[in-house]
Amino acid sequence: MFYWSNATAQKFRAAMEDDFDTPAAFTVLHELRRELNRTKSADTAGQLKALGATLGFFQDAPAAFVQGAANTAALDVDALVNERNVAKQGRDFTRADAIRKQLDAAGIVLEDKPSGLTEWRRK
């Protein structure tokens, strides 16, 4: 169980209250991660997640993160982008939209440039 009165949490809080000293806060998170790797403690894992959450870290379940990476790795993103471009040129917008949605679901964002090129990046 996580308590802000814990010495580690107090150290993290002090860093954040010191003009949002993120390097010091990251040091605390790193120390907790090291302890978690050593002890495999559920309490330490909970504390790491709770403190990280104040910065927006560790919000997804690990299985969801790994699953998302596996889904993206299985895709040939460049081939799908090329297929989408061919579909757009052939005015098959239904297929082009379907490819965009497929890539979006896998965590890929497409950016159509004025030059006609399509760039992609991970969300």
PDB file of N, CA and C in Angstrom:
ATOM      1  N   MET A   1       0.845  -1.181   0.000  1.00  0.00           N
ATOM      2  CA  MET A   1       0.000   0.000   0.000  1.00  0.00           C
ATOM      3  C   MET A   1       0.891   1.245   0.000  1.00  0.00           C
ATOM      4  N   PHE A   2       0.433   2.269  -0.681  1.00  0.00           N
ATOM      5  CA  PHE A   2       1.203   3.500  -0.832  1.00  0.00           C
ATOM      6  C   PHE A   2       0.762   4.549   0.185  1.00  0.00           C
ATOM      7  N   TYR A   3       1.752   5.175   0.829  1.00  0.00           N
ATOM      8  CA  TYR A   3       1.479   6.271   1.758  1.00  0.00           C
ATOM      9  C   TYR A   3       2.445   7.411   1.465  1.00  0.00           C
ATOM     10  N   TRP A   4       1.930   8.617   1.419  1.00  0.00           N
ATOM     11  CA  TRP A   4       2.795   9.784   1.202  1.00  0.00           C
ATOM     12  C   TRP A   4       3.731  10.016   2.374  1.00  0.00           C
ATOM     13  N   SER A   5       3.446   9.402   3.521  1.00  0.00           N
ATOM     14  CA  SER A   5       4.321   9.574   4.680  1.00  0.00           C
ATOM     15  C   SER A   5       5.580   8.715   4.579  1.00  0.00           C
ATOM     16  N   ASN A   6       5.618   7.802   3.645  1.00  0.00           N
ATOM     17  CA  ASN A   6       6.795   6.963   3.416  1.00  0.00           C
ATOM     18  C   ASN A   6       7.996   7.843   3.083  1.00  0.00           C
ATOM     19  N   ALA A   7       9.182   7.465   3.553  1.00  0.00           N
ATOM     20  CA  ALA A   7      10.396   8.282   3.357  1.00  0.00           C
ATOM     21  C   ALA A   7      10.692   8.512   1.878  1.00  0.00           C
ATOM     22  N   THR A   8      10.495   7.501   1.048  1.00  0.00           N
ATOM     23  CA  THR A   8      10.757   7.652  -0.391  1.00  0.00           C
ATOM     24  C   THR A   8       9.767   8.625  -1.014  1.00  0.00           C
ATOM     25  N   ALA A   9       8.503   8.500  -0.632  1.00  0.00           N
ATOM     26  CA  ALA A   9       7.483   9.415  -1.148  1.00  0.00           C
ATOM     27  C   ALA A   9       7.765  10.845  -0.706  1.00  0.00           C
ATOM     28  N   GLN A  10       8.242  11.018   0.517  1.00  0.00           N
ATOM     29  CA  GLN A  10       8.585  12.353   1.019  1.00  0.00           C
ATOM     30  C   GLN A  10       9.748  12.952   0.216  1.00  0.00           C
ATOM     31  N   LYS A  11      10.706  12.113  -0.124  1.00  0.00           N
ATOM     32  CA  LYS A  11      11.843  12.568  -0.933  1.00  0.00           C
ATOM     33  C   LYS A  11      11.363  13.012  -2.322  1.00  0.00           C
ATOM     34  N   PHE A  12      10.445  12.235  -2.897  1.00  0.00           N
ATOM     35  CA  PHE A  12       9.865  12.580  -4.202  1.00  0.00           C
ATOM     36  C   PHE A  12       9.081  13.886  -4.105  1.00  0.00           C
ATOM     37  N   ARG A  13       8.251  13.995  -3.074  1.00  0.00           N
ATOM     38  CA  ARG A  13       7.437  15.197  -2.880  1.00  0.00           C
ATOM     39  C   ARG A  13       8.319  16.434  -2.709  1.00  0.00           C
ATOM     40  N   ALA A  14       9.395  16.293  -1.939  1.00  0.00           N
ATOM     41  CA  ALA A  14      10.310  17.421  -1.728  1.00  0.00           C
ATOM     42  C   ALA A  14      10.922  17.875  -3.045  1.00  0.00           C
ATOM     43  N   ALA A  15      11.270  16.920  -3.894  1.00  0.00           N
ATOM     44  CA  ALA A  15      11.828  17.276  -5.201  1.00  0.00           C
ATOM     45  C   ALA A  15      10.801  18.031  -6.037  1.00  0.00           C
ATOM     46  N   MET A  16       9.564  17.562  -6.038  1.00  0.00           N
ATOM     47  CA  MET A  16       8.526  18.210  -6.835  1.00  0.00           C
ATOM     48  C   MET A  16       8.184  19.601  -6.289  1.00  0.00           C
ATOM     49  N   GLU A  17       8.243  19.748  -4.980  1.00  0.00           N
ATOM     50  CA  GLU A  17       7.934  21.036  -4.374  1.00  0.00           C
ATOM     51  C   GLU A  17       9.091  22.028  -4.498  1.00  0.00           C
ATOM     52  N   ASP A  18      10.255  21.529  -4.858  1.00  0.00           N
ATOM     53  CA  ASP A  18      11.423  22.387  -5.054  1.00  0.00           C
ATOM     54  C   ASP A  18      11.466  22.830  -6.516  1.00  0.00           C
ATOM     55  N   ASP A  19      10.533  23.684  -6.875  1.00  0.00           N
ATOM     56  CA  ASP A  19      10.482  24.243  -8.226  1.00  0.00           C
ATOM     57  C   ASP A  19      10.418  23.143  -9.286  1.00  0.00           C
ATOM     58  N   PHE A  20       9.633  22.106  -8.976  1.00  0.00           N
ATOM     59  CA  PHE A  20       9.406  21.000  -9.910  1.00  0.00           C
ATOM     60  C   PHE A  20      10.735  20.413 -10.385  1.00  0.00           C
ATOM     61  N   ASP A  21      11.557  19.988  -9.438  1.00  0.00           N
ATOM     62  CA  ASP A  21      12.896  19.445  -9.697  1.00  0.00           C
ATOM     63  C   ASP A  21      12.778  18.018 -10.241  1.00  0.00           C
ATOM     64  N   THR A  22      12.446  17.908 -11.522  1.00  0.00           N
ATOM     65  CA  THR A  22      12.236  16.585 -12.124  1.00  0.00           C
ATOM     66  C   THR A  22      13.484  15.706 -12.115  1.00  0.00           C
ATOM     67  N   PRO A  23      14.706  16.247 -12.290  1.00  0.00           N
ATOM     68  CA  PRO A  23      15.857  15.329 -12.203  1.00  0.00           C
ATOM     69  C   PRO A  23      15.935  14.613 -10.847  1.00  0.00           C
ATOM     70  N   ALA A  24      15.671  15.335  -9.779  1.00  0.00           N
ATOM     71  CA  ALA A  24      15.685  14.700  -8.457  1.00  0.00           C
ATOM     72  C   ALA A  24      14.527  13.711  -8.320  1.00  0.00           C
ATOM     73  N   ALA A  25      13.369  14.061  -8.860  1.00  0.00           N
ATOM     74  CA  ALA A  25      12.213  13.156  -8.806  1.00  0.00           C
ATOM     75  C   ALA A  25      12.495  11.885  -9.607  1.00  0.00           C
ATOM     76  N   PHE A  26      13.125  12.031 -10.778  1.00  0.00           N
ATOM     77  CA  PHE A  26      13.483  10.861 -11.589  1.00  0.00           C
ATOM     78  C   PHE A  26      14.487   9.982 -10.848  1.00  0.00           C
ATOM     79  N   THR A  27      15.370  10.588 -10.094  1.00  0.00           N
ATOM     80  CA  THR A  27      16.334   9.815  -9.305  1.00  0.00           C
ATOM     81  C   THR A  27      15.600   8.936  -8.304  1.00  0.00           C
ATOM     82  N   VAL A  28      14.573   9.481  -7.664  1.00  0.00           N
ATOM     83  CA  VAL A  28      13.780   8.700  -6.714  1.00  0.00           C
ATOM     84  C   VAL A  28      13.097   7.542  -7.441  1.00  0.00           C
ATOM     85  N   LEU A  29      12.512   7.821  -8.616  1.00  0.00           N
ATOM     86  CA  LEU A  29      11.857   6.757  -9.379  1.00  0.00           C
ATOM     87  C   LEU A  29      12.863   5.682  -9.780  1.00  0.00           C
ATOM     88  N   HIS A  30      14.050   6.109 -10.173  1.00  0.00           N
ATOM     89  CA  HIS A  30      15.097   5.161 -10.560  1.00  0.00           C
ATOM     90  C   HIS A  30      15.500   4.284  -9.368  1.00  0.00           C
ATOM     91  N   GLU A  31      15.624   4.883  -8.198  1.00  0.00           N
ATOM     92  CA  GLU A  31      15.959   4.116  -6.993  1.00  0.00           C
ATOM     93  C   GLU A  31      14.867   3.100  -6.678  1.00  0.00           C
ATOM     94  N   LEU A  32      13.611   3.515  -6.831  1.00  0.00           N
ATOM     95  CA  LEU A  32      12.501   2.586  -6.600  1.00  0.00           C
ATOM     96  C   LEU A  32      12.518   1.451  -7.617  1.00  0.00           C
ATOM     97  N   ARG A  33      12.813   1.768  -8.862  1.00  0.00           N
ATOM     98  CA  ARG A  33      12.879   0.735  -9.907  1.00  0.00           C
ATOM     99  C   ARG A  33      13.974  -0.276  -9.571  1.00  0.00           C
ATOM    100  N   ARG A  34      15.116   0.233  -9.122  1.00  0.00           N
ATOM    101  CA  ARG A  34      16.224  -0.652  -8.747  1.00  0.00           C
ATOM    102  C   ARG A  34      15.801  -1.558  -7.580  1.00  0.00           C
ATOM    103  N   GLU A  35      15.131  -0.971  -6.590  1.00  0.00           N
ATOM    104  CA  GLU A  35      14.657  -1.763  -5.457  1.00  0.00           C
ATOM    105  C   GLU A  35      13.637  -2.807  -5.909  1.00  0.00           C
ATOM    106  N   LEU A  36      12.736  -2.417  -6.801  1.00  0.00           N
ATOM    107  CA  LEU A  36      11.733  -3.349  -7.317  1.00  0.00           C
ATOM    108  C   LEU A  36      12.394  -4.516  -8.052  1.00  0.00           C
ATOM    109  N   ASN A  37      13.393  -4.230  -8.860  1.00  0.00           N
ATOM    110  CA  ASN A  37      14.107  -5.302  -9.559  1.00  0.00           C
ATOM    111  C   ASN A  37      14.778  -6.261  -8.582  1.00  0.00           C
ATOM    112  N   ARG A  38      15.238  -5.737  -7.470  1.00  0.00           N
ATOM    113  CA  ARG A  38      15.934  -6.551  -6.482  1.00  0.00           C
ATOM    114  C   ARG A  38      14.952  -7.351  -5.620  1.00  0.00           C
ATOM    115  N   THR A  39      13.865  -6.713  -5.171  1.00  0.00           N
ATOM    116  CA  THR A  39      12.980  -7.336  -4.186  1.00  0.00           C
ATOM    117  C   THR A  39      11.721  -7.965  -4.770  1.00  0.00           C
ATOM    118  N   LYS A  40      11.299  -7.505  -5.942  1.00  0.00           N
ATOM    119  CA  LYS A  40      10.040  -7.975  -6.566  1.00  0.00           C
ATOM    120  C   LYS A  40       8.845  -7.737  -5.647  1.00  0.00           C
ATOM    121  N   SER A  41       8.902  -6.675  -4.853  1.00  0.00           N
ATOM    122  CA  SER A  41       7.874  -6.353  -3.864  1.00  0.00           C
ATOM    123  C   SER A  41       6.673  -5.674  -4.516  1.00  0.00           C
ATOM    124  N   ALA A  42       5.484  -6.183  -4.205  1.00  0.00           N
ATOM    125  CA  ALA A  42       4.252  -5.571  -4.714  1.00  0.00           C
ATOM    126  C   ALA A  42       4.082  -4.161  -4.147  1.00  0.00           C
ATOM    127  N   ASP A  43       4.483  -3.958  -2.904  1.00  0.00           N
ATOM    128  CA  ASP A  43       4.386  -2.627  -2.295  1.00  0.00           C
ATOM    129  C   ASP A  43       5.283  -1.630  -3.026  1.00  0.00           C
ATOM    130  N   THR A  44       6.486  -2.052  -3.360  1.00  0.00           N
ATOM    131  CA  THR A  44       7.402  -1.178  -4.086  1.00  0.00           C
ATOM    132  C   THR A  44       6.856  -0.879  -5.471  1.00  0.00           C
ATOM    133  N   ALA A  45       6.300  -1.882  -6.124  1.00  0.00           N
ATOM    134  CA  ALA A  45       5.702  -1.679  -7.447  1.00  0.00           C
ATOM    135  C   ALA A  45       4.549  -0.685  -7.367  1.00  0.00           C
ATOM    136  N   GLY A  46       3.733  -0.807  -6.331  1.00  0.00           N
ATOM    137  CA  GLY A  46       2.622   0.129  -6.153  1.00  0.00           C
ATOM    138  C   GLY A  46       3.099   1.542  -5.902  1.00  0.00           C
ATOM    139  N   GLN A  47       4.151   1.654  -5.127  1.00  0.00           N
ATOM    140  CA  GLN A  47       4.693   2.981  -4.847  1.00  0.00           C
ATOM    141  C   GLN A  47       5.294   3.598  -6.108  1.00  0.00           C
ATOM    142  N   LEU A  48       6.019   2.796  -6.880  1.00  0.00           N
ATOM    143  CA  LEU A  48       6.598   3.291  -8.123  1.00  0.00           C
ATOM    144  C   LEU A  48       5.502   3.761  -9.072  1.00  0.00           C
ATOM    145  N   LYS A  49       4.439   2.984  -9.181  1.00  0.00           N
ATOM    146  CA  LYS A  49       3.328   3.365 -10.056  1.00  0.00           C
ATOM    147  C   LYS A  49       2.644   4.634  -9.554  1.00  0.00           C
ATOM    148  N   ALA A  50       2.419   4.742  -8.253  1.00  0.00           N
ATOM    149  CA  ALA A  50       1.733   5.906  -7.689  1.00  0.00           C
ATOM    150  C   ALA A  50       2.565   7.176  -7.863  1.00  0.00           C
ATOM    151  N   LEU A  51       3.855   7.101  -7.568  1.00  0.00           N
ATOM    152  CA  LEU A  51       4.698   8.288  -7.724  1.00  0.00           C
ATOM    153  C   LEU A  51       4.859   8.650  -9.197  1.00  0.00           C
ATOM    154  N   GLY A  52       5.054   7.650 -10.034  1.00  0.00           N
ATOM    155  CA  GLY A  52       5.177   7.906 -11.469  1.00  0.00           C
ATOM    156  C   GLY A  52       3.915   8.520 -12.043  1.00  0.00           C
ATOM    157  N   ALA A  53       2.772   8.161 -11.490  1.00  0.00           N
ATOM    158  CA  ALA A  53       1.495   8.695 -11.985  1.00  0.00           C
ATOM    159  C   ALA A  53       1.407  10.206 -11.831  1.00  0.00           C
ATOM    160  N   THR A  54       2.094  10.761 -10.844  1.00  0.00           N
ATOM    161  CA  THR A  54       2.048  12.213 -10.680  1.00  0.00           C
ATOM    162  C   THR A  54       2.696  12.921 -11.869  1.00  0.00           C
ATOM    163  N   LEU A  55       3.544  12.194 -12.599  1.00  0.00           N
ATOM    164  CA  LEU A  55       4.179  12.741 -13.805  1.00  0.00           C
ATOM    165  C   LEU A  55       3.577  12.157 -15.080  1.00  0.00           C
ATOM    166  N   GLY A  56       2.543  11.318 -14.923  1.00  0.00           N
ATOM    167  CA  GLY A  56       1.892  10.714 -16.077  1.00  0.00           C
ATOM    168  C   GLY A  56       2.556   9.429 -16.550  1.00  0.00           C
ATOM    169  N   PHE A  57       3.450   8.854 -15.751  1.00  0.00           N
ATOM    170  CA  PHE A  57       4.129   7.610 -16.119  1.00  0.00           C
ATOM    171  C   PHE A  57       3.396   6.403 -15.551  1.00  0.00           C
ATOM    172  N   PHE A  58       3.636   5.249 -16.169  1.00  0.00           N
ATOM    173  CA  PHE A  58       3.209   3.948 -15.656  1.00  0.00           C
ATOM    174  C   PHE A  58       1.691   3.824 -15.551  1.00  0.00           C
ATOM    175  N   GLN A  59       0.966   4.400 -16.483  1.00  0.00           N
ATOM    176  CA  GLN A  59      -0.485   4.359 -16.410  1.00  0.00           C
ATOM    177  C   GLN A  59      -1.086   3.141 -17.108  1.00  0.00           C
ATOM    178  N   ASP A  60      -0.423   2.628 -18.135  1.00  0.00           N
ATOM    179  CA  ASP A  60      -0.939   1.460 -18.843  1.00  0.00           C
ATOM    180  C   ASP A  60      -0.503   0.183 -18.148  1.00  0.00           C
ATOM    181  N   ALA A  61      -1.326  -0.816 -18.276  1.00  0.00           N
ATOM    182  CA  ALA A  61      -0.939  -2.125 -17.751  1.00  0.00           C
ATOM    183  C   ALA A  61       0.230  -2.645 -18.583  1.00  0.00           C
ATOM    184  N   PRO A  62       1.210  -3.272 -17.961  1.00  0.00           N
ATOM    185  CA  PRO A  62       2.361  -3.775 -18.726  1.00  0.00           C
ATOM    186  C   PRO A  62       1.953  -4.685 -19.876  1.00  0.00           C
ATOM    187  N   ALA A  63       0.948  -5.522 -19.667  1.00  0.00           N
ATOM    188  CA  ALA A  63       0.521  -6.430 -20.738  1.00  0.00           C
ATOM    189  C   ALA A  63      -0.003  -5.655 -21.939  1.00  0.00           C
ATOM    190  N   ALA A  64      -0.716  -4.557 -21.703  1.00  0.00           N
ATOM    191  CA  ALA A  64      -1.233  -3.745 -22.809  1.00  0.00           C
ATOM    192  C   ALA A  64      -0.090  -3.093 -23.570  1.00  0.00           C
ATOM    193  N   PHE A  65       0.928  -2.645 -22.856  1.00  0.00           N
ATOM    194  CA  PHE A  65       2.078  -2.030 -23.497  1.00  0.00           C
ATOM    195  C   PHE A  65       2.796  -3.044 -24.384  1.00  0.00           C
ATOM    196  N   VAL A  66       3.037  -4.236 -23.842  1.00  0.00           N
ATOM    197  CA  VAL A  66       3.724  -5.270 -24.604  1.00  0.00           C
ATOM    198  C   VAL A  66       2.874  -5.703 -25.787  1.00  0.00           C
ATOM    199  N   GLN A  67       1.569  -5.844 -25.584  1.00  0.00           N
ATOM    200  CA  GLN A  67       0.668  -6.249 -26.669  1.00  0.00           C
ATOM    201  C   GLN A  67       0.688  -5.222 -27.790  1.00  0.00           C
ATOM    202  N   GLY A  68       0.670  -3.931 -27.442  1.00  0.00           N
ATOM    203  CA  GLY A  68       0.719  -2.882 -28.458  1.00  0.00           C
ATOM    204  C   GLY A  68       2.002  -2.935 -29.258  1.00  0.00           C
ATOM    205  N   ALA A  69       3.123  -3.184 -28.598  1.00  0.00           N
ATOM    206  CA  ALA A  69       4.401  -3.290 -29.283  1.00  0.00           C
ATOM    207  C   ALA A  69       4.401  -4.490 -30.212  1.00  0.00           C
ATOM    208  N   ALA A  70       3.818  -5.601 -29.770  1.00  0.00           N
ATOM    209  CA  ALA A  70       3.783  -6.800 -30.607  1.00  0.00           C
ATOM    210  C   ALA A  70       2.912  -6.566 -31.834  1.00  0.00           C
ATOM    211  N   ASN A  71       1.772  -5.880 -31.660  1.00  0.00           N
ATOM    212  CA  ASN A  71       0.900  -5.605 -32.804  1.00  0.00           C
ATOM    213  C   ASN A  71       1.601  -4.739 -33.830  1.00  0.00           C
ATOM    214  N   THR A  72       2.326  -3.725 -33.401  1.00  0.00           N
ATOM    215  CA  THR A  72       3.028  -2.834 -34.309  1.00  0.00           C
ATOM    216  C   THR A  72       4.152  -3.568 -35.020  1.00  0.00           C
ATOM    217  N   ALA A  73       4.860  -4.413 -34.291  1.00  0.00           N
ATOM    218  CA  ALA A  73       5.988  -5.129 -34.874  1.00  0.00           C
ATOM    219  C   ALA A  73       5.531  -6.068 -35.980  1.00  0.00           C
ATOM    220  N   ALA A  74       4.307  -6.601 -35.874  1.00  0.00           N
ATOM    221  CA  ALA A  74       3.814  -7.545 -36.872  1.00  0.00           C
ATOM    222  C   ALA A  74       3.390  -6.850 -38.166  1.00  0.00           C
ATOM    223  N   LEU A  75       3.221  -5.554 -38.142  1.00  0.00           N
ATOM    224  CA  LEU A  75       2.784  -4.810 -39.329  1.00  0.00           C
ATOM    225  C   LEU A  75       3.970  -4.368 -40.167  1.00  0.00           C
ATOM    226  N   ASP A  76       3.774  -4.378 -41.472  1.00  0.00           N
ATOM    227  CA  ASP A  76       4.742  -3.756 -42.366  1.00  0.00           C
ATOM    228  C   ASP A  76       4.175  -2.366 -42.656  1.00  0.00           C
ATOM    229  N   VAL A  77       4.526  -1.422 -41.805  1.00  0.00           N
ATOM    230  CA  VAL A  77       3.930  -0.089 -41.845  1.00  0.00           C
ATOM    231  C   VAL A  77       4.181   0.581 -43.190  1.00  0.00           C
ATOM    232  N   ASP A  78       5.413   0.506 -43.677  1.00  0.00           N
ATOM    233  CA  ASP A  78       5.724   1.159 -44.950  1.00  0.00           C
ATOM    234  C   ASP A  78       4.886   0.592 -46.094  1.00  0.00           C
ATOM    235  N   ALA A  79       4.687  -0.726 -46.101  1.00  0.00           N
ATOM    236  CA  ALA A  79       3.875  -1.336 -47.159  1.00  0.00           C
ATOM    237  C   ALA A  79       2.426  -0.872 -47.070  1.00  0.00           C
ATOM    238  N   LEU A  80       1.919  -0.767 -45.841  1.00  0.00           N
ATOM    239  CA  LEU A  80       0.537  -0.297 -45.681  1.00  0.00           C
ATOM    240  C   LEU A  80       0.398   1.173 -46.079  1.00  0.00           C
ATOM    241  N   VAL A  81       1.396   1.984 -45.750  1.00  0.00           N
ATOM    242  CA  VAL A  81       1.355   3.396 -46.163  1.00  0.00           C
ATOM    243  C   VAL A  81       1.356   3.490 -47.682  1.00  0.00           C
ATOM    244  N   ASN A  82       2.202   2.693 -48.331  1.00  0.00           N
ATOM    245  CA  ASN A  82       2.227   2.694 -49.801  1.00  0.00           C
ATOM    246  C   ASN A  82       0.899   2.226 -50.377  1.00  0.00           C
ATOM    247  N   GLU A  83       0.335   1.169 -49.798  1.00  0.00           N
ATOM    248  CA  GLU A  83      -0.965   0.680 -50.261  1.00  0.00           C
ATOM    249  C   GLU A  83      -2.035   1.759 -50.094  1.00  0.00           C
ATOM    250  N   ARG A  84      -1.981   2.473 -48.991  1.00  0.00           N
ATOM    251  CA  ARG A  84      -2.943   3.558 -48.756  1.00  0.00           C
ATOM    252  C   ARG A  84      -2.783   4.658 -49.799  1.00  0.00           C
ATOM    253  N   ASN A  85      -1.534   5.018 -50.114  1.00  0.00           N
ATOM    254  CA  ASN A  85      -1.292   6.055 -51.118  1.00  0.00           C
ATOM    255  C   ASN A  85      -1.817   5.636 -52.481  1.00  0.00           C
ATOM    256  N   VAL A  86      -1.626   4.368 -52.843  1.00  0.00           N
ATOM    257  CA  VAL A  86      -2.147   3.861 -54.120  1.00  0.00           C
ATOM    258  C   VAL A  86      -3.676   3.908 -54.108  1.00  0.00           C
ATOM    259  N   ALA A  87      -4.278   3.527 -52.981  1.00  0.00           N
ATOM    260  CA  ALA A  87      -5.740   3.571 -52.872  1.00  0.00           C
ATOM    261  C   ALA A  87      -6.249   5.002 -53.015  1.00  0.00           C
ATOM    262  N   LYS A  88      -5.552   5.967 -52.393  1.00  0.00           N
ATOM    263  CA  LYS A  88      -5.963   7.375 -52.516  1.00  0.00           C
ATOM    264  C   LYS A  88      -5.853   7.848 -53.960  1.00  0.00           C
ATOM    265  N   GLN A  89      -4.759   7.481 -54.633  1.00  0.00           N
ATOM    266  CA  GLN A  89      -4.577   7.889 -56.030  1.00  0.00           C
ATOM    267  C   GLN A  89      -5.654   7.292 -56.915  1.00  0.00           C
ATOM    268  N   GLY A  90      -6.101   6.074 -56.580  1.00  0.00           N
ATOM    269  CA  GLY A  90      -7.165   5.418 -57.339  1.00  0.00           C
ATOM    270  C   GLY A  90      -8.545   5.809 -56.861  1.00  0.00           C
ATOM    271  N   ARG A  91      -8.592   6.784 -55.957  1.00  0.00           N
ATOM    272  CA  ARG A  91      -9.838   7.315 -55.408  1.00  0.00           C
ATOM    273  C   ARG A  91     -10.656   6.258 -54.650  1.00  0.00           C
ATOM    274  N   ASP A  92      -9.942   5.251 -54.095  1.00  0.00           N
ATOM    275  CA  ASP A  92     -10.571   4.239 -53.256  1.00  0.00           C
ATOM    276  C   ASP A  92     -10.417   4.694 -51.801  1.00  0.00           C
ATOM    277  N   PHE A  93     -11.203   5.706 -51.461  1.00  0.00           N
ATOM    278  CA  PHE A  93     -11.065   6.326 -50.148  1.00  0.00           C
ATOM    279  C   PHE A  93     -11.533   5.419 -49.007  1.00  0.00           C
ATOM    280  N   THR A  94     -12.417   4.488 -49.315  1.00  0.00           N
ATOM    281  CA  THR A  94     -12.856   3.533 -48.299  1.00  0.00           C
ATOM    282  C   THR A  94     -11.672   2.683 -47.846  1.00  0.00           C
ATOM    283  N   ARG A  95     -10.897   2.178 -48.814  1.00  0.00           N
ATOM    284  CA  ARG A  95      -9.720   1.366 -48.477  1.00  0.00           C
ATOM    285  C   ARG A  95      -8.657   2.219 -47.779  1.00  0.00           C
ATOM    286  N   ALA A  96      -8.442   3.433 -48.273  1.00  0.00           N
ATOM    287  CA  ALA A  96      -7.447   4.323 -47.669  1.00  0.00           C
ATOM    288  C   ALA A  96      -7.798   4.608 -46.208  1.00  0.00           C
ATOM    289  N   ASP A  97      -9.072   4.858 -45.934  1.00  0.00           N
ATOM    290  CA  ASP A  97      -9.517   5.111 -44.559  1.00  0.00           C
ATOM    291  C   ASP A  97      -9.378   3.868 -43.686  1.00  0.00           C
ATOM    292  N   ALA A  98      -9.645   2.703 -44.254  1.00  0.00           N
ATOM    293  CA  ALA A  98      -9.519   1.457 -43.499  1.00  0.00           C
ATOM    294  C   ALA A  98      -8.060   1.221 -43.090  1.00  0.00           C
ATOM    295  N   ILE A  99      -7.135   1.519 -43.992  1.00  0.00           N
ATOM    296  CA  ILE A  99      -5.716   1.356 -43.669  1.00  0.00           C
ATOM    297  C   ILE A  99      -5.307   2.340 -42.577  1.00  0.00           C
ATOM    298  N   ARG A 100      -5.770   3.568 -42.683  1.00  0.00           N
ATOM    299  CA  ARG A 100      -5.462   4.565 -41.643  1.00  0.00           C
ATOM    300  C   ARG A 100      -5.971   4.094 -40.288  1.00  0.00           C
ATOM    301  N   LYS A 101      -7.197   3.571 -40.248  1.00  0.00           N
ATOM    302  CA  LYS A 101      -7.767   3.087 -38.985  1.00  0.00           C
ATOM    303  C   LYS A 101      -6.983   1.891 -38.451  1.00  0.00           C
ATOM    304  N   GLN A 102      -6.553   0.996 -39.330  1.00  0.00           N
ATOM    305  CA  GLN A 102      -5.762  -0.161 -38.915  1.00  0.00           C
ATOM    306  C   GLN A 102      -4.452   0.290 -38.276  1.00  0.00           C
ATOM    307  N   LEU A 103      -3.791   1.244 -38.922  1.00  0.00           N
ATOM    308  CA  LEU A 103      -2.526   1.748 -38.388  1.00  0.00           C
ATOM    309  C   LEU A 103      -2.738   2.514 -37.085  1.00  0.00           C
ATOM    310  N   ASP A 104      -3.816   3.287 -37.017  1.00  0.00           N
ATOM    311  CA  ASP A 104      -4.126   4.032 -35.795  1.00  0.00           C
ATOM    312  C   ASP A 104      -4.340   3.073 -34.618  1.00  0.00           C
ATOM    313  N   ALA A 105      -5.041   1.985 -34.873  1.00  0.00           N
ATOM    314  CA  ALA A 105      -5.283   0.995 -33.820  1.00  0.00           C
ATOM    315  C   ALA A 105      -3.984   0.347 -33.343  1.00  0.00           C
ATOM    316  N   ALA A 106      -2.983   0.309 -34.220  1.00  0.00           N
ATOM    317  CA  ALA A 106      -1.682  -0.266 -33.863  1.00  0.00           C
ATOM    318  C   ALA A 106      -0.736   0.784 -33.285  1.00  0.00           C
ATOM    319  N   GLY A 107      -1.238   2.017 -33.098  1.00  0.00           N
ATOM    320  CA  GLY A 107      -0.411   3.054 -32.496  1.00  0.00           C
ATOM    321  C   GLY A 107       0.429   3.839 -33.478  1.00  0.00           C
ATOM    322  N   ILE A 108       0.029   3.849 -34.745  1.00  0.00           N
ATOM    323  CA  ILE A 108       0.758   4.569 -35.788  1.00  0.00           C
ATOM    324  C   ILE A 108      -0.088   5.753 -36.248  1.00  0.00           C
ATOM    325  N   VAL A 109       0.526   6.928 -36.274  1.00  0.00           N
ATOM    326  CA  VAL A 109      -0.146   8.138 -36.736  1.00  0.00           C
ATOM    327  C   VAL A 109       0.400   8.486 -38.112  1.00  0.00           C
ATOM    328  N   LEU A 110      -0.493   8.747 -39.059  1.00  0.00           N
ATOM    329  CA  LEU A 110      -0.097   9.147 -40.411  1.00  0.00           C
ATOM    330  C   LEU A 110      -0.227  10.650 -40.550  1.00  0.00           C
ATOM    331  N   GLU A 111       0.727  11.241 -41.250  1.00  0.00           N
ATOM    332  CA  GLU A 111       0.699  12.671 -41.524  1.00  0.00           C
ATOM    333  C   GLU A 111       0.880  12.867 -43.022  1.00  0.00           C
ATOM    334  N   ASP A 112      -0.197  13.309 -43.677  1.00  0.00           N
ATOM    335  CA  ASP A 112      -0.141  13.604 -45.102  1.00  0.00           C
ATOM    336  C   ASP A 112       0.443  14.995 -45.278  1.00  0.00           C
ATOM    337  N   LYS A 113       1.514  15.087 -46.057  1.00  0.00           N
ATOM    338  CA  LYS A 113       2.217  16.352 -46.276  1.00  0.00           C
ATOM    339  C   LYS A 113       1.710  17.014 -47.559  1.00  0.00           C
ATOM    340  N   PRO A 114       1.821  18.342 -47.652  1.00  0.00           N
ATOM    341  CA  PRO A 114       1.385  19.052 -48.856  1.00  0.00           C
ATOM    342  C   PRO A 114       2.098  18.559 -50.129  1.00  0.00           C
ATOM    343  N   SER A 115       3.298  18.017 -49.953  1.00  0.00           N
ATOM    344  CA  SER A 115       4.059  17.525 -51.102  1.00  0.00           C
ATOM    345  C   SER A 115       3.483  16.232 -51.658  1.00  0.00           C
ATOM    346  N   GLY A 116       2.519  15.628 -50.935  1.00  0.00           N
ATOM    347  CA  GLY A 116       1.940  14.371 -51.376  1.00  0.00           C
ATOM    348  C   GLY A 116       2.525  13.171 -50.643  1.00  0.00           C
ATOM    349  N   LEU A 117       3.612  13.377 -49.926  1.00  0.00           N
ATOM    350  CA  LEU A 117       4.215  12.293 -49.156  1.00  0.00           C
ATOM    351  C   LEU A 117       3.421  12.046 -47.881  1.00  0.00           C
ATOM    352  N   THR A 118       3.460  10.814 -47.413  1.00  0.00           N
ATOM    353  CA  THR A 118       2.843  10.467 -46.146  1.00  0.00           C
ATOM    354  C   THR A 118       3.941  10.016 -45.197  1.00  0.00           C
ATOM    355  N   GLU A 119       4.034  10.677 -44.051  1.00  0.00           N
ATOM    356  CA  GLU A 119       5.000  10.289 -43.017  1.00  0.00           C
ATOM    357  C   GLU A 119       4.230   9.616 -41.895  1.00  0.00           C
ATOM    358  N   TRP A 120       4.907   8.731 -41.175  1.00  0.00           N
ATOM    359  CA  TRP A 120       4.275   8.071 -40.046  1.00  0.00           C
ATOM    360  C   TRP A 120       5.173   8.114 -38.838  1.00  0.00           C
ATOM    361  N   ARG A 121       4.530   8.030 -37.669  1.00  0.00           N
ATOM    362  CA  ARG A 121       5.237   8.002 -36.400  1.00  0.00           C
ATOM    363  C   ARG A 121       4.397   7.227 -35.403  1.00  0.00           C
ATOM    364  N   ARG A 122       5.057   6.778 -34.361  1.00  0.00           N
ATOM    365  CA  ARG A 122       4.330   6.094 -33.282  1.00  0.00           C
ATOM    366  C   ARG A 122       3.656   7.132 -32.388  1.00  0.00           C
ATOM    367  N   LYS A 123       2.501   6.777 -31.862  1.00  0.00           N
ATOM    368  CA  LYS A 123       1.776   7.677 -30.948  1.00  0.00           C
ATOM    369  C   LYS A 123       2.598   7.918 -29.721  1.00  0.00           C
TER     370      LYS A 123
END
